[in-house]
Amino acid sequence: MNYSLSAGGKRIRPVLVYAFCEALGGDWHKAKSMACAIEMVHTFSLIHDDLPSMDNDDFRRGKPSCHKAFGEDMAILAGDALSVLPFEIIADDVCLSDGQKVRIVSELAKAVGRNGMIGGQVIDMENERRNDVDEKNLRNMYRCKTGQLIAVSCVMGCICAGADDEILKTASEYGFRLGLAFQIVDDILDVIGNSEELGKPVGSDREENKTTFVTLYGVEKAQQIADSVTAEALECLLKIPHSDFLVRLTEMLLKRKN
């Protein structure tokens, strides 16, 4: 668990928890447990994604994947443990009210479960056996697999700050758009990226018969779609006060090289 959690990465999801909490006038200290929780959920998903029965990736963040370092059995258990510990951390938090914690647990569970990240992984695996995947299917899969955790990170930060439902809705809409743009850029980097910068092999999508925005439209049009979706995300931020940092983060993620 510690090996995978401390392997590095951009920490985008915990950053979003903190950023939305602060943008809405909240105390970032109240968001610490939520930031830890979302990174643990994300790490659990990466451990399981890398398994031979899933994406079969030997490297993650420039280091051997968990199952390569400790064996498949221990990697499965490490992922399982990291899927449960976040809810313990949230429940035991002393900074938030019981009402805030219950809502966060509910939102996070839905984002992770059958209609969220895990459901998205199911669609992703099923798509490998299909040759009729279109943009509508791909957008739905990305919304579930990637967008849900990014969107709930934004929502969790808002709840920590005591924001109202309208703000939560706007934050969620921003997160889904950011998640889609993030995944499209991932598709592009899998084709034109550098494996040393990415910390994992490039070209894995093609080897695993994955349909992506690049395989559907090519790199140039995929980049245009990523630009357009990012613009939509930035438009959402117009409704969020003190969002300068979030604007810079959004623009940086669109132009990233890893």
Protein backbone atom coordinates (compact mmCIF):
# COMPACT_ATOMS: atom_id res chain seq x y z
CA MET A 1 0.00 0.00 0.00
CA ASN A 2 2.75 2.45 0.97
CA TYR A 3 4.81 1.49 -2.09
CA SER A 4 2.02 2.44 -4.48
CA LEU A 5 0.87 5.51 -2.57
CA SER A 6 4.37 6.97 -2.40
CA ALA A 7 5.32 6.20 -6.01
CA GLY A 8 4.67 9.78 -7.12
CA GLY A 9 2.12 11.06 -9.59
CA LYS A 10 0.47 14.43 -10.11
CA ARG A 11 -1.93 14.21 -7.11
CA ILE A 12 -4.55 15.97 -9.20
CA ARG A 13 -7.52 14.66 -7.23
CA PRO A 14 -6.33 15.74 -3.76
CA VAL A 15 -5.22 19.06 -5.26
CA LEU A 16 -8.77 19.57 -6.54
CA VAL A 17 -10.19 18.81 -3.07
CA TYR A 18 -7.98 21.49 -1.53
CA ALA A 19 -8.43 23.97 -4.39
CA PHE A 20 -12.23 23.96 -4.32
CA CYS A 21 -12.31 24.13 -0.54
CA GLU A 22 -10.04 27.19 -0.51
CA ALA A 23 -11.71 28.85 -3.53
CA LEU A 24 -15.01 28.78 -1.63
CA GLY A 25 -13.54 30.25 1.54
CA GLY A 26 -13.06 27.00 3.44
CA ASP A 27 -10.17 26.02 5.70
CA TRP A 28 -7.93 23.62 3.79
CA HIS A 29 -7.09 21.80 7.02
CA LYS A 30 -10.68 20.52 7.06
CA ALA A 31 -10.09 18.89 3.67
CA LYS A 32 -7.01 16.84 4.60
CA SER A 33 -8.81 13.57 5.29
CA MET A 34 -10.81 13.89 2.06
CA ALA A 35 -7.65 14.59 0.03
CA CYS A 36 -5.99 11.48 1.48
CA ALA A 37 -9.11 9.41 0.89
CA ILE A 38 -9.44 10.26 -2.79
CA GLU A 39 -5.77 9.56 -3.49
CA MET A 40 -6.11 6.16 -1.83
CA VAL A 41 -9.12 5.31 -3.99
CA HIS A 42 -7.26 6.41 -7.10
CA THR A 43 -4.21 4.35 -6.13
CA PHE A 44 -6.33 1.26 -5.52
CA SER A 45 -7.74 1.63 -9.04
CA LEU A 46 -4.23 1.88 -10.53
CA ILE A 47 -3.01 -1.22 -8.70
CA HIS A 48 -5.92 -3.26 -10.04
CA ASP A 49 -5.75 -1.70 -13.53
CA ASP A 50 -2.13 -2.81 -13.88
CA LEU A 51 -2.87 -6.47 -13.10
CA PRO A 52 -2.32 -9.06 -15.88
CA SER A 53 -6.06 -9.77 -15.96
CA MET A 54 -6.75 -6.09 -16.70
CA ASP A 55 -4.32 -3.76 -18.53
CA ASN A 56 -1.24 -5.91 -17.81
CA ASP A 57 1.18 -3.00 -17.28
CA ASP A 58 4.55 -3.76 -15.72
CA PHE A 59 5.41 -0.16 -14.86
CA ARG A 60 3.59 2.66 -13.10
CA ARG A 61 5.06 6.11 -12.49
CA GLY A 62 8.49 4.89 -13.56
CA LYS A 63 8.57 2.01 -11.07
CA PRO A 64 7.56 -1.65 -11.28
CA SER A 65 3.81 -2.01 -10.85
CA CYS A 66 2.61 -3.29 -7.47
CA HIS A 67 2.07 -6.82 -8.76
CA LYS A 68 5.58 -6.88 -10.26
CA ALA A 69 7.11 -5.76 -6.97
CA PHE A 70 5.05 -7.91 -4.59
CA GLY A 71 3.17 -10.50 -6.63
CA GLU A 72 -0.40 -10.56 -7.91
CA ASP A 73 -1.89 -11.87 -4.67
CA MET A 74 -0.44 -9.08 -2.54
CA ALA A 75 -1.30 -6.45 -5.16
CA ILE A 76 -4.95 -7.51 -5.16
CA LEU A 77 -5.04 -7.32 -1.36
CA ALA A 78 -3.25 -3.96 -1.30
CA GLY A 79 -5.82 -2.58 -3.74
CA ASP A 80 -8.67 -4.04 -1.72
CA ALA A 81 -7.35 -2.45 1.47
CA LEU A 82 -6.94 0.93 -0.22
CA SER A 83 -10.54 0.77 -1.43
CA VAL A 84 -11.84 0.49 2.15
CA LEU A 85 -9.45 2.60 4.22
CA PRO A 86 -10.71 5.92 2.74
CA PHE A 87 -14.15 5.41 4.25
CA GLU A 88 -12.63 4.73 7.66
CA ILE A 89 -10.58 7.93 7.38
CA ILE A 90 -13.63 9.99 6.44
CA ALA A 91 -15.80 8.50 9.19
CA ASP A 92 -13.14 9.17 11.83
CA ASP A 93 -12.44 12.76 10.73
CA VAL A 94 -12.82 15.27 13.57
CA CYS A 95 -12.99 18.47 11.50
CA LEU A 96 -16.28 18.00 9.64
CA SER A 97 -19.84 17.61 10.84
CA ASP A 98 -21.59 14.24 10.73
CA GLY A 99 -23.82 15.56 7.96
CA GLN A 100 -20.83 16.56 5.84
CA LYS A 101 -19.16 13.20 6.37
CA VAL A 102 -22.29 11.23 5.45
CA ARG A 103 -22.71 13.22 2.26
CA ILE A 104 -19.05 12.78 1.31
CA VAL A 105 -19.23 9.02 1.93
CA SER A 106 -22.36 8.80 -0.24
CA GLU A 107 -20.87 10.87 -3.08
CA LEU A 108 -17.58 8.98 -3.01
CA ALA A 109 -19.20 5.54 -2.93
CA LYS A 110 -21.35 6.40 -5.97
CA ALA A 111 -18.31 7.76 -7.85
CA VAL A 112 -16.34 4.56 -7.23
CA GLY A 113 -19.06 1.93 -7.72
CA ARG A 114 -21.01 0.23 -10.45
CA ASN A 115 -22.11 3.47 -12.14
CA GLY A 116 -18.78 5.16 -11.49
CA MET A 117 -15.13 4.26 -11.84
CA ILE A 118 -15.59 0.49 -11.58
CA GLY A 119 -18.46 0.55 -14.06
CA GLY A 120 -16.24 2.51 -16.42
CA GLN A 121 -13.54 -0.13 -16.14
CA VAL A 122 -16.13 -2.78 -17.06
CA ILE A 123 -17.03 -0.81 -20.20
CA ASP A 124 -13.34 -0.36 -21.01
CA MET A 125 -12.68 -4.10 -20.83
CA GLU A 126 -15.80 -4.96 -22.85
CA ASN A 127 -14.79 -2.45 -25.52
CA GLU A 128 -11.54 -4.34 -26.14
CA ARG A 129 -13.66 -7.14 -27.63
CA ARG A 130 -15.72 -4.80 -29.81
CA ASN A 131 -15.06 -3.14 -33.16
CA ASP A 132 -18.07 -0.79 -33.12
CA VAL A 133 -17.06 1.61 -30.32
CA ASP A 134 -18.12 5.14 -31.23
CA GLU A 135 -17.64 8.56 -29.65
CA LYS A 136 -20.82 8.32 -27.58
CA ASN A 137 -19.67 5.05 -26.02
CA LEU A 138 -16.18 6.45 -25.45
CA ARG A 139 -17.45 9.60 -23.75
CA ASN A 140 -19.64 7.52 -21.45
CA MET A 141 -16.74 5.24 -20.56
CA TYR A 142 -14.42 8.16 -19.82
CA ARG A 143 -17.13 9.90 -17.80
CA CYS A 144 -17.39 6.84 -15.58
CA LYS A 145 -13.81 5.59 -15.44
CA THR A 146 -11.97 8.92 -15.18
CA GLY A 147 -14.52 11.70 -14.79
CA GLN A 148 -16.32 10.38 -11.72
CA LEU A 149 -13.29 10.48 -9.40
CA ILE A 150 -12.20 13.89 -10.67
CA ALA A 151 -15.72 15.29 -10.32
CA VAL A 152 -16.19 13.89 -6.81
CA SER A 153 -12.85 15.39 -5.79
CA CYS A 154 -14.23 18.82 -6.67
CA VAL A 155 -17.51 18.08 -4.89
CA MET A 156 -15.75 16.86 -1.75
CA GLY A 157 -13.80 20.12 -1.55
CA CYS A 158 -17.05 22.07 -1.89
CA ILE A 159 -18.70 20.07 0.90
CA CYS A 160 -15.71 20.74 3.16
CA ALA A 161 -16.27 24.45 2.56
CA GLY A 162 -20.01 24.24 3.29
CA ALA A 163 -21.05 25.17 -0.25
CA ASP A 164 -24.65 24.97 -1.47
CA ASP A 165 -26.06 22.46 -3.96
CA GLU A 166 -25.81 24.86 -6.90
CA ILE A 167 -22.08 25.25 -6.40
CA LEU A 168 -21.71 21.48 -5.98
CA LYS A 169 -23.47 20.98 -9.32
CA THR A 170 -21.17 23.47 -11.05
CA ALA A 171 -18.08 21.87 -9.51
CA SER A 172 -19.25 18.45 -10.67
CA GLU A 173 -19.85 19.68 -14.22
CA TYR A 174 -16.36 21.20 -14.25
CA GLY A 175 -14.86 17.94 -12.98
CA PHE A 176 -16.51 15.80 -15.64
CA ARG A 177 -15.24 18.10 -18.39
CA LEU A 178 -11.76 18.19 -16.89
CA GLY A 179 -11.80 14.39 -16.65
CA LEU A 180 -12.76 14.01 -20.31
CA ALA A 181 -10.07 16.44 -21.47
CA PHE A 182 -7.53 14.70 -19.22
CA GLN A 183 -8.32 11.29 -20.71
CA ILE A 184 -8.19 12.54 -24.31
CA VAL A 185 -4.75 14.03 -23.63
CA ASP A 186 -3.78 10.62 -22.20
CA ASP A 187 -4.89 9.05 -25.50
CA ILE A 188 -2.69 11.48 -27.40
CA LEU A 189 0.33 10.96 -25.16
CA ASP A 190 0.03 7.18 -25.60
CA VAL A 191 0.80 7.81 -29.28
CA ILE A 192 3.23 10.73 -29.28
CA GLY A 193 4.51 10.75 -25.69
CA ASN A 194 7.87 9.71 -24.27
CA SER A 195 7.88 6.59 -22.09
CA GLU A 196 10.51 8.07 -19.74
CA GLU A 197 8.40 11.20 -19.14
CA LEU A 198 5.18 9.19 -18.81
CA GLY A 199 6.69 6.61 -16.46
CA LYS A 200 4.99 3.81 -18.41
CA PRO A 201 5.24 2.31 -21.91
CA VAL A 202 3.66 4.16 -24.83
CA GLY A 203 1.61 2.39 -27.47
CA SER A 204 -0.22 0.18 -24.97
CA ASP A 205 -3.66 1.28 -26.23
CA ARG A 206 -2.92 -0.07 -29.70
CA GLU A 207 -1.49 -3.33 -28.34
CA GLU A 208 -4.61 -3.92 -26.23
CA ASN A 209 -7.01 -3.06 -29.08
CA LYS A 210 -8.39 -0.06 -27.21
CA THR A 211 -10.56 2.42 -29.08
CA THR A 212 -9.59 5.99 -28.15
CA PHE A 213 -10.22 9.45 -29.51
CA VAL A 214 -6.95 9.11 -31.42
CA THR A 215 -7.93 5.82 -33.08
CA LEU A 216 -11.32 7.33 -33.96
CA TYR A 217 -10.17 10.72 -35.24
CA GLY A 218 -6.38 10.98 -35.28
CA VAL A 219 -4.12 13.11 -33.10
CA GLU A 220 -5.02 16.51 -34.56
CA LYS A 221 -8.79 16.22 -34.17
CA ALA A 222 -8.42 14.56 -30.75
CA GLN A 223 -6.41 17.59 -29.65
CA GLN A 224 -9.12 19.91 -30.98
CA ILE A 225 -11.74 18.05 -28.95
CA ALA A 226 -9.55 18.25 -25.84
CA ASP A 227 -9.19 22.00 -26.39
CA SER A 228 -12.95 22.40 -26.75
CA VAL A 229 -13.78 20.37 -23.63
CA THR A 230 -11.17 22.30 -21.65
CA ALA A 231 -12.82 25.55 -22.73
CA GLU A 232 -16.13 24.21 -21.39
CA ALA A 233 -14.44 23.37 -18.07
CA LEU A 234 -13.01 26.88 -17.85
CA GLU A 235 -16.47 28.32 -18.50
CA CYS A 236 -17.77 26.42 -15.47
CA LEU A 237 -15.10 28.07 -13.34
CA LEU A 238 -16.60 31.49 -14.08
CA LYS A 239 -19.24 30.58 -11.47
CA ILE A 240 -16.60 29.68 -8.85
CA PRO A 241 -15.12 32.59 -6.84
CA HIS A 242 -11.35 32.92 -6.44
CA SER A 243 -10.73 30.30 -9.13
CA ASP A 244 -7.45 31.67 -10.52
CA PHE A 245 -5.46 28.64 -9.39
CA LEU A 246 -8.06 26.25 -10.83
CA VAL A 247 -7.87 28.07 -14.17
CA ARG A 248 -4.08 27.70 -14.26
CA LEU A 249 -4.32 24.04 -13.27
CA THR A 250 -6.89 23.32 -15.99
CA GLU A 251 -4.74 24.95 -18.66
CA MET A 252 -1.62 23.16 -17.43
CA LEU A 253 -3.27 19.73 -17.60
CA LEU A 254 -4.27 20.32 -21.22
CA LYS A 255 -0.64 21.07 -22.17
CA ARG A 256 1.05 18.43 -20.03
CA LYS A 257 3.65 16.02 -21.41
CA ASN A 258 3.13 13.22 -18.85
